[in-house]
N, C-alpha and C. Protein backbone atom coordinates (compact mmCIF):
# COMPACT_ATOMS: atom_id res chain seq x y z
N ASP A 1 89.45 99.72 130.78
CA ASP A 1 88.75 99.60 132.06
C ASP A 1 89.73 99.38 133.21
N LYS A 2 90.75 98.57 132.99
CA LYS A 2 91.71 98.28 134.04
C LYS A 2 92.38 99.53 134.58
N LEU A 3 92.65 100.47 133.64
CA LEU A 3 93.40 101.65 134.04
C LEU A 3 92.48 102.82 134.48
N HIS A 4 91.24 102.86 133.98
CA HIS A 4 90.45 104.06 134.18
C HIS A 4 89.18 103.87 135.03
N VAL A 5 88.68 102.66 135.18
CA VAL A 5 87.45 102.48 135.94
C VAL A 5 87.80 102.15 137.39
N ARG A 6 87.29 102.91 138.29
CA ARG A 6 87.47 102.72 139.73
C ARG A 6 86.08 102.76 140.40
N TRP A 7 85.49 101.62 140.60
CA TRP A 7 84.20 101.54 141.19
C TRP A 7 84.22 101.73 142.71
N GLY A 8 85.36 101.46 143.32
CA GLY A 8 85.46 101.55 144.76
C GLY A 8 84.80 100.38 145.46
N THR A 9 84.53 99.30 144.76
CA THR A 9 83.92 98.12 145.30
C THR A 9 84.34 96.89 144.47
N SER A 10 83.94 95.73 144.87
CA SER A 10 84.34 94.53 144.16
C SER A 10 83.52 94.33 142.87
N ASP A 11 84.04 93.47 141.98
CA ASP A 11 83.30 93.15 140.75
C ASP A 11 81.95 92.53 141.09
N ALA A 12 81.93 91.66 142.10
CA ALA A 12 80.67 91.00 142.47
C ALA A 12 79.63 92.04 142.93
N GLU A 13 80.09 93.04 143.71
CA GLU A 13 79.16 94.06 144.18
C GLU A 13 78.66 94.93 143.04
N VAL A 14 79.53 95.23 142.08
CA VAL A 14 79.09 96.01 140.91
C VAL A 14 78.05 95.22 140.13
N THR A 15 78.33 93.93 139.96
CA THR A 15 77.38 93.06 139.22
C THR A 15 76.03 93.06 139.92
N GLN A 16 76.01 92.91 141.21
CA GLN A 16 74.74 92.91 141.96
C GLN A 16 74.02 94.25 141.84
N ARG A 17 74.74 95.36 141.84
CA ARG A 17 74.13 96.66 141.69
C ARG A 17 73.48 96.77 140.28
N LEU A 18 74.22 96.35 139.28
CA LEU A 18 73.66 96.42 137.91
C LEU A 18 72.48 95.46 137.75
N LEU A 19 72.51 94.32 138.40
CA LEU A 19 71.42 93.38 138.37
C LEU A 19 70.17 94.00 139.01
N ARG A 20 70.35 94.68 140.14
CA ARG A 20 69.23 95.35 140.81
C ARG A 20 68.62 96.42 139.88
N GLU A 21 69.50 97.18 139.20
CA GLU A 21 69.02 98.22 138.29
C GLU A 21 68.23 97.62 137.14
N LEU A 22 68.71 96.50 136.56
CA LEU A 22 67.97 95.88 135.48
C LEU A 22 66.64 95.35 135.97
N ARG A 23 66.61 94.74 137.14
CA ARG A 23 65.35 94.22 137.71
C ARG A 23 64.37 95.40 137.91
N HIS A 24 64.87 96.50 138.42
CA HIS A 24 64.04 97.69 138.62
C HIS A 24 63.47 98.22 137.30
N GLN A 25 64.31 98.25 136.26
CA GLN A 25 63.83 98.70 134.95
C GLN A 25 62.75 97.82 134.42
N LEU A 26 62.90 96.50 134.57
CA LEU A 26 61.86 95.58 134.09
C LEU A 26 60.55 95.76 134.89
N GLU A 27 60.70 95.96 136.19
CA GLU A 27 59.50 96.14 137.04
C GLU A 27 58.74 97.42 136.70
N ARG A 28 59.46 98.46 136.26
CA ARG A 28 58.82 99.73 135.95
C ARG A 28 58.05 99.70 134.61
N LEU A 29 58.39 98.71 133.74
CA LEU A 29 57.69 98.63 132.45
C LEU A 29 56.27 98.12 132.67
N THR A 30 55.32 98.86 132.13
CA THR A 30 53.91 98.51 132.34
C THR A 30 53.33 97.74 131.14
N CYS A 31 54.07 97.56 130.11
CA CYS A 31 53.55 96.89 128.91
C CYS A 31 53.48 95.40 129.15
N ASP A 32 52.66 94.74 128.30
CA ASP A 32 52.52 93.30 128.38
C ASP A 32 53.56 92.59 127.53
N GLY A 33 54.37 93.33 126.76
CA GLY A 33 55.39 92.77 125.91
C GLY A 33 55.06 92.98 124.46
N PRO A 34 55.85 92.52 123.57
CA PRO A 34 57.14 91.90 123.84
C PRO A 34 58.23 93.00 124.16
N ILE A 35 59.21 92.54 124.90
CA ILE A 35 60.30 93.42 125.27
C ILE A 35 61.59 92.86 124.63
N ILE A 36 62.32 93.78 124.00
CA ILE A 36 63.65 93.46 123.47
C ILE A 36 64.65 94.10 124.43
N ALA A 37 65.38 93.30 125.11
CA ALA A 37 66.34 93.81 126.12
C ALA A 37 67.68 94.11 125.44
N LEU A 38 68.27 95.23 125.77
CA LEU A 38 69.58 95.61 125.26
C LEU A 38 70.53 95.73 126.43
N THR A 39 71.62 94.96 126.39
CA THR A 39 72.59 95.01 127.48
C THR A 39 73.98 95.28 126.95
N HIS A 40 74.76 95.94 127.70
CA HIS A 40 76.18 96.16 127.30
C HIS A 40 76.99 94.88 127.46
N HIS A 41 76.79 94.22 128.59
CA HIS A 41 77.54 92.99 128.88
C HIS A 41 76.76 91.77 128.42
N LEU A 42 77.47 90.67 128.23
CA LEU A 42 76.84 89.45 127.79
C LEU A 42 75.95 88.88 128.90
N PRO A 43 74.75 88.37 128.54
CA PRO A 43 73.84 87.84 129.55
C PRO A 43 74.09 86.35 129.88
N THR A 44 75.10 85.75 129.24
CA THR A 44 75.43 84.36 129.54
C THR A 44 76.89 84.15 129.15
N TYR A 45 77.57 83.32 129.92
CA TYR A 45 78.97 82.96 129.61
C TYR A 45 79.08 82.19 128.31
N ARG A 46 78.00 81.52 127.91
CA ARG A 46 78.05 80.75 126.69
C ARG A 46 78.35 81.57 125.44
N LEU A 47 78.16 82.87 125.52
CA LEU A 47 78.39 83.74 124.37
C LEU A 47 79.82 84.29 124.31
N ARG A 48 80.61 84.00 125.31
CA ARG A 48 82.02 84.48 125.27
C ARG A 48 82.74 83.80 124.12
N PRO A 49 83.46 84.56 123.29
CA PRO A 49 84.16 83.94 122.18
C PRO A 49 85.12 82.84 122.59
N TYR A 50 85.78 83.02 123.71
CA TYR A 50 86.75 82.03 124.15
C TYR A 50 86.05 80.68 124.37
N ASN A 51 84.89 80.69 125.03
CA ASN A 51 84.20 79.46 125.32
C ASN A 51 83.72 78.79 124.00
N ALA A 52 83.21 79.59 123.08
CA ALA A 52 82.64 79.07 121.86
C ALA A 52 83.68 78.49 120.91
N LEU A 53 84.88 79.05 120.93
CA LEU A 53 85.89 78.69 119.92
C LEU A 53 87.06 77.86 120.45
N ARG A 54 87.26 77.75 121.76
CA ARG A 54 88.50 77.13 122.25
C ARG A 54 88.61 75.66 121.84
N GLU A 55 87.48 74.97 121.73
CA GLU A 55 87.55 73.58 121.30
C GLU A 55 87.76 73.45 119.80
N ALA A 56 87.12 74.37 119.07
CA ALA A 56 87.20 74.31 117.59
C ALA A 56 88.55 74.75 117.08
N LEU A 57 89.15 75.73 117.75
CA LEU A 57 90.41 76.30 117.27
C LEU A 57 91.39 76.43 118.42
N PRO A 58 91.98 75.32 118.85
CA PRO A 58 92.93 75.43 119.98
C PRO A 58 94.04 76.40 119.66
N GLY A 59 94.46 77.16 120.64
CA GLY A 59 95.55 78.09 120.42
C GLY A 59 95.15 79.46 119.91
N LEU A 60 93.84 79.60 119.58
CA LEU A 60 93.34 80.87 119.06
C LEU A 60 93.51 82.00 120.09
N PHE A 61 93.31 81.66 121.34
CA PHE A 61 93.42 82.62 122.40
C PHE A 61 94.67 82.30 123.27
N PRO A 62 95.84 82.77 122.88
CA PRO A 62 97.03 82.51 123.70
C PRO A 62 96.83 82.97 125.10
N LYS A 63 97.47 82.33 126.04
CA LYS A 63 97.30 82.59 127.46
C LYS A 63 97.47 84.07 127.77
N GLN A 64 98.44 84.75 127.20
CA GLN A 64 98.68 86.15 127.54
C GLN A 64 97.55 87.08 127.15
N TRP A 65 96.63 86.66 126.26
CA TRP A 65 95.52 87.49 125.86
C TRP A 65 94.19 87.11 126.49
N ARG A 66 94.14 86.09 127.29
CA ARG A 66 92.89 85.63 127.90
C ARG A 66 92.32 86.63 128.89
N PHE A 67 93.13 87.57 129.36
CA PHE A 67 92.60 88.58 130.29
C PHE A 67 91.50 89.41 129.61
N LEU A 68 91.45 89.42 128.28
CA LEU A 68 90.42 90.17 127.59
C LEU A 68 89.02 89.63 127.90
N ASN A 69 88.92 88.40 128.38
CA ASN A 69 87.64 87.86 128.79
C ASN A 69 87.36 88.14 130.26
N ALA A 70 88.07 89.07 130.85
CA ALA A 70 87.97 89.31 132.29
C ALA A 70 86.52 89.54 132.74
N PHE A 71 85.85 90.50 132.24
CA PHE A 71 84.45 90.67 132.62
C PHE A 71 83.66 91.07 131.39
N LEU A 72 83.05 90.05 130.77
CA LEU A 72 82.24 90.32 129.61
C LEU A 72 80.74 90.24 129.95
N GLY A 73 80.44 89.78 131.15
CA GLY A 73 79.07 89.67 131.57
C GLY A 73 78.88 88.66 132.68
N SER A 74 77.62 88.29 132.90
CA SER A 74 77.35 87.35 133.98
C SER A 74 76.07 86.58 133.63
N ASN A 75 76.02 85.33 133.99
CA ASN A 75 74.82 84.56 133.79
C ASN A 75 73.59 85.11 134.54
N CYS A 76 73.86 85.85 135.60
CA CYS A 76 72.71 86.39 136.39
C CYS A 76 71.84 87.30 135.54
N PHE A 77 72.44 88.04 134.60
CA PHE A 77 71.64 88.93 133.75
C PHE A 77 70.68 88.10 132.87
N GLY A 78 71.23 87.06 132.25
CA GLY A 78 70.41 86.20 131.40
C GLY A 78 69.33 85.49 132.20
N GLU A 79 69.67 85.06 133.41
CA GLU A 79 68.69 84.36 134.25
C GLU A 79 67.53 85.29 134.60
N LEU A 80 67.83 86.53 134.93
CA LEU A 80 66.78 87.50 135.24
C LEU A 80 65.91 87.75 134.02
N LEU A 81 66.53 87.97 132.87
CA LEU A 81 65.74 88.23 131.65
C LEU A 81 64.92 87.02 131.25
N ALA A 82 65.40 85.84 131.45
CA ALA A 82 64.68 84.60 131.11
C ALA A 82 63.42 84.42 131.98
N LYS A 83 63.44 84.97 133.19
CA LYS A 83 62.29 84.83 134.08
C LYS A 83 61.11 85.72 133.68
N ASP A 84 61.37 86.73 132.87
CA ASP A 84 60.30 87.66 132.49
C ASP A 84 59.73 87.20 131.15
N PRO A 85 58.49 86.71 131.13
CA PRO A 85 57.90 86.16 129.91
C PRO A 85 57.74 87.21 128.83
N ARG A 86 57.83 88.48 129.17
CA ARG A 86 57.67 89.54 128.16
C ARG A 86 58.90 89.71 127.33
N VAL A 87 60.08 89.28 127.88
CA VAL A 87 61.34 89.42 127.15
C VAL A 87 61.41 88.38 126.07
N THR A 88 61.40 88.80 124.82
CA THR A 88 61.40 87.87 123.68
C THR A 88 62.76 87.78 123.01
N SER A 89 63.59 88.83 123.19
CA SER A 89 64.92 88.85 122.56
C SER A 89 65.87 89.66 123.42
N VAL A 90 67.15 89.34 123.31
CA VAL A 90 68.19 90.06 124.03
C VAL A 90 69.31 90.36 123.03
N VAL A 91 69.69 91.63 122.99
CA VAL A 91 70.81 92.08 122.17
C VAL A 91 71.88 92.57 123.09
N SER A 92 73.08 92.07 122.91
CA SER A 92 74.16 92.47 123.80
C SER A 92 75.43 92.79 123.05
N GLY A 93 76.30 93.47 123.73
CA GLY A 93 77.62 93.80 123.13
C GLY A 93 78.71 93.35 124.01
N HIS A 94 79.81 94.12 124.04
CA HIS A 94 80.94 93.94 124.90
C HIS A 94 81.71 92.62 124.68
N VAL A 95 81.86 92.27 123.44
CA VAL A 95 82.67 91.10 123.14
C VAL A 95 84.03 91.59 122.69
N HIS A 96 85.08 91.10 123.33
CA HIS A 96 86.43 91.47 122.93
C HIS A 96 86.89 90.60 121.80
N TRP A 97 86.58 91.01 120.62
CA TRP A 97 86.90 90.22 119.45
C TRP A 97 87.49 91.14 118.40
N ARG A 98 88.69 90.90 117.99
CA ARG A 98 89.35 91.76 117.07
C ARG A 98 88.82 91.53 115.63
N GLY A 99 88.50 92.58 114.95
CA GLY A 99 88.05 92.48 113.57
C GLY A 99 89.12 92.94 112.62
N LYS A 100 89.00 92.61 111.36
CA LYS A 100 89.96 93.02 110.36
C LYS A 100 89.40 94.12 109.51
C-alpha cells in the first residue's frame, strides 16, 4: 500500500469516505435482519494483534515492524455497525500477521 496506493487525500478523509459508503449500504438494505457485515479493515482497534499480544508477549513486535499496524481499521466502522440492531455479526480481515 505504501508504494502503490495514492488516494490523493488524507487517511482521515479516506476513512470518512469509506464510512459514508458503509452507512449508505446499510441504509439501502430493506431487510429486517439479521445482517452479517463483511469488512476488509478491522472494525475496532481492540482486534489489532499488537494490542492483543503486546502485554502477553513483550518484544513480539519489534519497533522496526510496528509500521505494519499502520492502518488496519478504525473504531468508527465498528461504532456504525453496532448502532444497527440488524447487524448480528461482523467478519473482517486485513490483519498483518505472519503465518507459518
